[in-house]
Protein backbone atom coordinates (compact mmCIF):
# COMPACT_ATOMS: atom_id res chain seq x y z
CA MET A 1 -122.69 4.76 72.89
CA GLN A 2 -120.49 4.82 69.55
CA GLN A 3 -118.18 5.81 71.67
CA SER A 4 -117.95 3.42 74.29
CA SER A 5 -117.92 0.92 71.11
CA LYS A 6 -115.28 2.31 70.13
CA LYS A 7 -113.35 2.20 72.95
CA MET A 8 -114.22 -1.78 73.85
CA SER A 9 -113.11 -2.55 70.08
CA ILE A 10 -109.36 -0.58 70.98
CA LEU A 11 -109.42 -2.77 73.88
CA ILE A 12 -109.94 -5.99 72.64
CA SER A 13 -107.73 -5.26 69.59
CA CYS A 14 -104.98 -4.35 71.98
CA PHE A 15 -105.87 -7.94 73.73
CA VAL A 16 -105.57 -9.61 70.29
CA ILE A 17 -102.04 -8.20 69.91
CA VAL A 18 -101.22 -9.13 73.23
CA LEU A 19 -102.11 -12.45 72.56
CA GLY A 20 -100.49 -12.94 69.15
CA PHE A 21 -96.92 -12.02 70.95
CA GLY A 22 -97.84 -15.10 73.33
CA VAL A 23 -97.89 -13.02 76.41
CA VAL A 24 -99.37 -15.58 78.77
CA PHE A 25 -100.40 -13.06 81.96
CA GLY A 26 -98.92 -9.97 83.21
CA ASN A 27 -99.02 -8.07 86.90
CA GLY A 28 -99.55 -4.69 85.19
CA ASP A 29 -96.04 -3.76 85.13
CA GLY A 30 -94.79 -4.28 82.23
CA LEU A 31 -94.03 -7.95 83.42
CA ASN A 32 -94.93 -10.76 81.61
CA ILE A 33 -94.34 -14.19 80.33
CA TYR A 34 -93.56 -15.26 76.82
CA GLU A 35 -93.41 -18.52 74.41
CA ILE A 36 -91.37 -19.84 72.25
CA LYS A 37 -92.80 -23.31 70.19
CA LYS A 38 -91.86 -25.45 67.65
CA GLY A 39 -93.82 -28.62 67.42
CA ASP A 40 -93.99 -30.18 70.84
CA PHE A 41 -91.21 -28.33 71.84
CA SER A 42 -91.72 -25.13 73.87
CA VAL A 43 -90.34 -22.40 76.20
CA LYS A 44 -91.76 -19.98 78.14
CA ILE A 45 -89.68 -16.74 79.33
CA THR A 46 -90.40 -13.52 81.59
CA ASN A 47 -88.54 -10.41 81.00
CA TYR A 48 -88.24 -10.61 84.98
CA GLY A 49 -84.83 -11.60 85.26
CA ALA A 50 -85.14 -12.65 82.04
CA ARG A 51 -85.73 -15.92 83.77
CA ILE A 52 -87.09 -19.05 81.62
CA VAL A 53 -89.75 -20.30 83.20
CA SER A 54 -90.88 -23.68 81.46
CA VAL A 55 -89.29 -26.38 79.10
CA VAL A 56 -91.80 -28.36 77.83
CA LEU A 57 -91.07 -31.53 75.79
CA PRO A 58 -91.37 -35.10 75.40
CA ASP A 59 -90.33 -38.41 76.82
CA LYS A 60 -89.63 -41.74 75.50
CA ASN A 61 -93.42 -42.41 75.67
CA GLY A 62 -94.06 -38.90 73.97
CA LYS A 63 -95.59 -37.90 77.07
CA LEU A 64 -94.73 -34.24 77.75
CA ALA A 65 -93.45 -32.21 80.54
CA ASP A 66 -92.17 -29.48 82.04
CA VAL A 67 -88.65 -30.02 82.94
CA VAL A 68 -87.48 -26.83 84.74
CA LEU A 69 -88.50 -26.22 88.40
CA GLY A 70 -89.91 -22.53 88.54
CA TYR A 71 -93.47 -20.97 89.71
CA ASP A 72 -97.10 -20.19 88.54
CA THR A 73 -97.06 -16.23 88.79
CA ILE A 74 -94.49 -13.35 87.87
CA LYS A 75 -95.03 -12.63 91.80
CA ASP A 76 -93.59 -15.73 93.19
CA TYR A 77 -91.02 -15.30 90.76
CA MET A 78 -90.03 -11.59 93.01
CA ASN A 79 -90.20 -13.75 95.81
CA ASP A 80 -87.74 -15.99 94.77
CA THR A 81 -84.11 -16.26 97.04
CA CYS A 82 -83.30 -19.83 94.49
CA TYR A 83 -82.45 -17.62 91.21
CA PHE A 84 -85.15 -20.17 89.34
CA GLY A 85 -84.36 -20.01 85.60
CA ALA A 86 -83.00 -16.61 86.04
CA ILE A 87 -80.34 -14.74 84.01
CA VAL A 88 -77.52 -13.42 86.97
CA GLY A 89 -75.08 -10.99 87.11
CA ARG A 90 -73.72 -8.27 86.63
CA VAL A 91 -71.29 -10.63 87.72
CA GLY A 92 -73.08 -14.28 88.40
CA ASN A 93 -71.22 -16.56 91.39
CA ARG A 94 -69.33 -15.44 94.09
CA ILE A 95 -67.17 -12.42 94.79
CA GLY A 96 -65.17 -12.67 98.07
CA GLY A 97 -65.16 -9.86 100.52
CA ALA A 98 -67.48 -8.20 98.58
CA LYS A 99 -64.92 -6.20 96.58
CA PHE A 100 -62.19 -5.50 94.04
CA THR A 101 -59.23 -3.64 92.86
CA LEU A 102 -59.58 -2.48 88.76
CA ASN A 103 -57.07 -0.12 87.46
CA GLY A 104 -56.04 0.82 91.12
CA THR A 105 -59.54 1.71 92.30
CA VAL A 106 -60.95 -0.32 94.82
CA TYR A 107 -64.97 -1.43 94.47
CA LYS A 108 -66.90 -2.22 97.33
CA LEU A 109 -70.21 -4.25 96.42
CA ASP A 110 -73.31 -5.16 97.78
CA ALA A 111 -72.14 -7.88 100.28
CA ASN A 112 -75.85 -10.68 100.24
CA GLU A 113 -74.43 -13.86 101.36
CA GLY A 114 -72.10 -13.23 104.56
CA THR A 115 -69.18 -10.97 103.49
CA SER A 116 -69.40 -12.08 99.84
CA MET A 117 -71.42 -10.78 96.96
CA LEU A 118 -73.54 -13.58 95.16
CA HIS A 119 -75.19 -13.17 91.59
CA GLY A 120 -75.07 -9.87 91.90
CA GLY A 121 -75.99 -8.41 94.96
CA LYS A 122 -79.25 -7.66 96.35
CA LYS A 123 -80.68 -6.20 93.26
CA GLY A 124 -78.59 -8.48 90.50
CA PHE A 125 -79.87 -8.85 86.68
CA SER A 126 -82.37 -11.53 88.16
CA GLN A 127 -84.22 -9.02 90.39
CA VAL A 128 -85.39 -6.40 87.61
CA ALA A 129 -87.34 -5.92 84.78
CA TRP A 130 -85.61 -6.52 80.94
CA LYS A 131 -87.46 -5.42 77.97
CA VAL A 132 -88.67 -7.42 75.21
CA LYS A 133 -86.48 -6.05 72.23
CA ASN A 134 -87.82 -9.16 69.83
CA HIS A 135 -90.49 -11.83 70.10
CA VAL A 136 -91.10 -14.31 67.37
CA LYS A 137 -93.39 -17.27 68.71
CA ASN A 138 -93.51 -19.76 66.66
CA GLY A 139 -92.34 -20.32 62.56
CA PRO A 140 -89.22 -21.50 61.47
CA SER A 141 -87.62 -19.38 63.75
CA PRO A 142 -88.81 -18.91 67.46
CA SER A 143 -86.95 -16.58 69.66
CA ILE A 144 -87.11 -13.61 72.14
CA THR A 145 -84.79 -11.42 72.96
CA LEU A 146 -84.27 -8.97 75.92
CA THR A 147 -82.17 -6.35 77.12
CA TYR A 148 -81.03 -4.61 80.41
CA HIS A 149 -79.37 -1.18 81.06
CA SER A 150 -77.11 -1.11 83.89
CA VAL A 151 -76.22 1.86 85.37
CA ASP A 152 -72.88 2.71 86.21
CA GLY A 153 -72.49 1.95 90.45
CA GLU A 154 -75.30 0.03 90.40
CA GLU A 155 -74.75 -2.51 93.26
CA GLY A 156 -71.20 -0.79 93.33
CA PHE A 157 -69.91 -2.19 89.86
CA PRO A 158 -67.96 0.57 87.60
CA GLY A 159 -69.41 1.99 84.56
CA ASP A 160 -72.73 1.58 82.27
CA VAL A 161 -73.12 -2.04 80.56
CA LEU A 162 -75.73 -3.24 78.31
CA THR A 163 -77.09 -6.59 78.31
CA SER A 164 -79.07 -8.54 76.16
CA VAL A 165 -80.13 -12.20 76.28
CA THR A 166 -81.43 -14.10 72.95
CA TYR A 167 -83.53 -17.69 73.49
CA ALA A 168 -83.97 -19.53 70.74
CA ILE A 169 -85.49 -22.83 69.36
CA ILE A 170 -82.94 -23.69 66.86
CA GLU A 171 -84.73 -27.03 66.14
CA PRO A 172 -86.54 -29.57 67.82
CA TYR A 173 -85.27 -29.57 70.23
CA LYS A 174 -82.50 -27.03 70.85
CA LEU A 175 -82.48 -24.40 72.39
CA SER A 176 -80.27 -21.69 71.91
CA VAL A 177 -79.17 -19.05 74.52
CA LYS A 178 -76.73 -16.05 73.68
CA MET A 179 -75.75 -13.66 75.83
CA LYS A 180 -73.67 -10.14 75.11
CA ALA A 181 -72.99 -7.35 77.22
CA LYS A 182 -71.06 -3.89 76.08
CA ALA A 183 -69.27 -1.58 78.51
CA SER A 184 -69.82 1.92 77.29
CA LYS A 185 -67.12 4.03 79.44
CA LYS A 186 -65.57 2.33 82.03
CA ALA A 187 -63.62 -1.03 82.68
CA THR A 188 -65.79 -3.34 84.41
CA PRO A 189 -66.42 -7.06 85.15
CA VAL A 190 -68.94 -9.14 83.52
CA ASN A 191 -69.85 -12.96 84.31
CA LEU A 192 -73.54 -13.70 83.40
CA ALA A 193 -74.86 -17.36 84.10
CA GLN A 194 -78.25 -19.28 83.22
CA HIS A 195 -79.62 -20.41 86.17
CA SER A 196 -82.12 -22.68 85.29
CA TYR A 197 -82.62 -25.88 87.28
CA TRP A 198 -82.83 -29.33 85.29
CA ASN A 199 -84.71 -32.14 86.48
CA LEU A 200 -85.15 -34.27 83.03
CA GLY A 201 -88.01 -36.70 84.61
CA GLY A 202 -89.98 -33.50 85.14
CA HIS A 203 -89.96 -30.72 87.77
CA ASN A 204 -92.32 -32.61 89.65
CA THR A 205 -90.89 -35.83 89.70
CA GLY A 206 -88.79 -35.90 92.82
CA ASN A 207 -84.92 -35.67 93.42
CA ILE A 208 -82.25 -35.94 90.11
CA LEU A 209 -79.75 -38.58 92.40
CA SER A 210 -80.69 -41.14 90.28
CA ASP A 211 -79.88 -39.54 86.76
CA GLU A 212 -76.66 -40.08 85.10
CA LEU A 213 -74.36 -37.15 84.71
CA GLN A 214 -70.75 -36.62 82.65
CA ILE A 215 -69.06 -33.21 82.79
CA PHE A 216 -65.86 -33.16 80.57
CA ALA A 217 -63.88 -31.24 83.10
CA SER A 218 -60.84 -32.66 84.41
CA HIS A 219 -60.41 -30.09 87.33
CA ILE A 220 -62.39 -27.84 90.28
CA THR A 221 -61.48 -24.79 91.42
CA PRO A 222 -61.44 -25.58 95.13
CA VAL A 223 -63.30 -23.19 97.61
CA ASP A 224 -62.57 -22.21 101.37
CA LYS A 225 -65.75 -22.56 103.98
CA LYS A 226 -67.58 -19.47 102.06
CA LEU A 227 -67.27 -21.37 99.32
CA ILE A 228 -64.85 -18.61 97.60
CA PRO A 229 -62.17 -19.88 95.32
CA THR A 230 -58.68 -21.10 96.77
CA GLY A 231 -57.18 -20.17 93.30
CA LYS A 232 -55.67 -23.13 93.12
CA PHE A 233 -56.50 -26.48 90.63
CA VAL A 234 -57.21 -29.50 91.49
CA SER A 235 -57.64 -32.68 89.47
CA VAL A 236 -61.12 -34.61 90.07
CA LYS A 237 -59.30 -37.92 89.40
CA ALA A 238 -60.10 -40.71 91.80
CA THR A 239 -62.63 -37.93 93.66
CA PRO A 240 -66.18 -37.62 94.31
CA TYR A 241 -66.29 -35.10 91.03
CA ASP A 242 -65.02 -37.25 88.89
CA PHE A 243 -67.99 -36.93 85.95
CA LEU A 244 -65.32 -37.10 83.05
CA GLU A 245 -67.04 -41.03 82.58
CA PRO A 246 -70.88 -40.96 82.73
CA ARG A 247 -71.71 -41.66 86.96
CA VAL A 248 -75.18 -41.70 88.63
CA ILE A 249 -75.35 -38.93 90.85
CA LYS A 250 -76.29 -40.61 93.88
CA GLY A 251 -73.00 -42.75 94.14
CA PRO A 252 -70.52 -39.80 94.39
CA ILE A 253 -72.11 -37.22 96.20
CA LYS A 254 -72.29 -39.91 99.40
CA GLU A 255 -68.58 -39.35 98.90
CA LEU A 256 -68.48 -35.59 99.43
CA PRO A 257 -66.76 -34.02 102.35
CA ASN A 258 -68.55 -34.28 105.82
CA GLY A 259 -71.30 -31.08 105.91
CA SER A 260 -71.39 -31.15 102.05
CA ARG A 261 -75.24 -31.45 101.17
CA GLY A 262 -74.23 -31.59 97.36
CA TYR A 263 -72.43 -30.32 94.89
CA ASP A 264 -71.63 -26.66 94.48
CA ILE A 265 -68.25 -26.00 92.49
CA ASN A 266 -67.01 -24.41 89.52
CA TYR A 267 -65.35 -27.03 86.91
CA VAL A 268 -62.76 -26.20 84.74
CA VAL A 269 -63.93 -27.25 81.10
CA ASP A 270 -61.30 -29.47 79.03
CA GLY A 271 -60.10 -27.16 76.24
CA ARG A 272 -61.45 -23.86 77.47
CA ASN A 273 -58.96 -21.91 75.77
CA GLY A 274 -60.61 -19.76 73.25
CA LEU A 275 -64.22 -18.75 72.93
CA LYS A 276 -65.40 -21.86 70.32
CA MET A 277 -68.26 -23.93 71.44
CA LYS A 278 -67.20 -26.89 73.58
CA PRO A 279 -69.03 -29.95 75.25
CA ILE A 280 -69.92 -29.35 78.55
CA ALA A 281 -72.32 -31.72 80.53
CA VAL A 282 -74.26 -34.76 79.40
CA VAL A 283 -77.47 -35.26 81.81
CA TYR A 284 -79.33 -38.73 81.08
CA ASN A 285 -82.67 -39.08 83.06
CA LYS A 286 -83.49 -43.24 82.61
CA LYS A 287 -86.69 -43.37 83.50
CA SER A 288 -87.77 -41.01 81.02
CA GLY A 289 -85.24 -41.45 78.56
CA ARG A 290 -84.30 -37.71 77.95
CA VAL A 291 -80.80 -36.86 77.48
CA MET A 292 -79.49 -32.84 77.87
CA LYS A 293 -76.09 -32.24 76.50
CA LEU A 294 -74.86 -28.59 76.49
CA SER A 295 -72.20 -27.17 75.20
CA ALA A 296 -71.36 -23.58 75.66
CA ASN A 297 -67.97 -21.13 74.69
CA THR A 298 -67.13 -20.61 78.69
CA PRO A 299 -64.00 -21.75 80.55
CA GLY A 300 -66.25 -23.16 83.36
CA VAL A 301 -69.06 -24.49 84.70
CA GLN A 302 -71.10 -24.48 87.84
CA LEU A 303 -72.79 -27.89 89.15
CA TYR A 304 -75.28 -27.04 91.49
CA THR A 305 -77.55 -30.18 93.05
CA GLY A 306 -79.49 -27.73 94.75
CA ASN A 307 -78.98 -28.59 97.93
CA TYR A 308 -80.24 -25.71 99.75
CA ILE A 309 -83.78 -25.98 98.29
CA ASN A 310 -85.91 -26.25 101.22
CA ASP A 311 -89.85 -26.78 100.78
CA VAL A 312 -90.22 -24.42 98.41
CA ARG A 313 -93.43 -24.20 96.70
CA GLY A 314 -93.39 -24.76 92.86
CA LYS A 315 -95.74 -24.83 90.54
CA ASN A 316 -99.08 -26.31 90.37
CA GLY A 317 -98.57 -26.56 94.38
CA TYR A 318 -95.62 -28.93 93.94
CA VAL A 319 -93.22 -28.56 96.78
CA TYR A 320 -89.43 -28.92 95.87
CA LYS A 321 -86.80 -30.42 98.14
CA PRO A 322 -83.13 -30.82 98.36
CA HIS A 323 -81.67 -32.24 94.85
CA ALA A 324 -85.07 -31.65 93.31
CA ALA A 325 -82.97 -30.68 90.34
CA LEU A 326 -79.34 -29.57 89.33
CA CYS A 327 -77.81 -26.70 87.46
CA LEU A 328 -75.10 -26.34 84.98
CA GLU A 329 -74.27 -22.67 84.84
CA THR A 330 -71.80 -22.07 82.62
CA GLN A 331 -69.35 -19.01 83.17
CA GLY A 332 -66.32 -17.72 84.30
CA PHE A 333 -64.34 -18.81 87.19
CA PRO A 334 -66.17 -17.75 90.56
CA ASP A 335 -63.92 -14.53 92.05
CA SER A 336 -61.83 -13.85 88.97
CA VAL A 337 -61.64 -10.51 89.84
CA ASN A 338 -59.55 -11.47 92.45
CA HIS A 339 -57.64 -14.33 91.16
CA PRO A 340 -55.12 -13.16 88.26
CA ASN A 341 -54.09 -16.45 87.69
CA PHE A 342 -58.10 -17.17 86.45
CA PRO A 343 -59.23 -16.03 82.90
CA SER A 344 -60.59 -12.46 82.87
CA GLN A 345 -64.19 -11.90 82.81
CA ILE A 346 -63.29 -7.47 82.61
CA VAL A 347 -64.92 -6.03 79.88
CA TYR A 348 -62.96 -2.64 78.30
CA PRO A 349 -65.36 -0.16 76.73
CA GLY A 350 -65.52 -0.79 72.88
CA LYS A 351 -64.98 -4.35 73.58
CA SER A 352 -67.58 -7.11 73.52
CA TYR A 353 -68.52 -9.82 76.25
CA ARG A 354 -69.89 -13.13 74.37
CA HIS A 355 -71.46 -16.27 76.59
CA TYR A 356 -73.71 -18.85 74.25
CA MET A 357 -75.12 -21.60 75.15
CA MET A 358 -77.00 -24.58 73.36
CA PHE A 359 -78.80 -27.41 74.92
CA THR A 360 -79.37 -30.08 72.96
CA PHE A 361 -82.53 -32.45 73.91
CA SER A 362 -82.75 -36.28 73.10
CA ILE A 363 -84.36 -39.61 74.13
CA LYS A 364 -82.16 -42.72 74.62
CA LYS A 365 -84.74 -45.98 75.07
């Protein structure tokens, strides 16, 4: 009896420790959901794909809402095809022909979108368990750091890569995302992206077509029918891609070429030279009053308006439809491994990849 009581005591203690570290639930395989929180601003992250699960903050009336699309359980994320909230890599976005040449060697990759590779292949960084290195739920510096070791040959890529991402609440209402990677013995491409779907009205409030969007980019990298960049740079002026001044999305989206369901294009960020943080985009939802300002240190940002979200059952059973949210994926240019005129995404042994983002939320009444 004493032995049984002792075992029960240990189990209770372990349960309390788990709760103290902010784990919401798990599936028994080391996959859990963690929370970081400051005041009424909270963010939940799962170590499956290092994904953002929720971002909760108040609107102009003080009403709290979750402003990212997602699911109720980790199992749902394991069946996800939309990359909700994920860190995508080793190379995010597309690689044409699912191959590239580096130092005279041709590397054939996992083609998971026709003949192309998308977001790292069938088992990219979004489809694996990351290790939780550090987690501080609240206090003055709430944060969580997750790591993943990608081995030589994974999805066809050369060399081992150790990757980390840190989500931190700097202050209400600022969310910092820092992605880092190091190559150990071989040069390899690295182009990580954070793939959250944002609806500032709330994840269950319909579409984002009435949102106002501004993107600080004067050019795009146009694509072919397979959404692979042609290698050219085209000005956005006098086109539906022009968001240099704030525009309501539903206007220009109607002007896109026939066959386009919406935006899925890389913008060339103004002032992209160097690795300094710079303004990327501003999104404003008039009904809620929420504003999201995004800054980053990357040369590009992919605007995606959720064109292929077709009746996806999300949180609390809400069904997401096309344009239910938008993605602003800061990144190196897509298919840069096959375009010498694009900024290089090759990381050499002894060198580091650093990708920093800052989401700043505010209210406009």
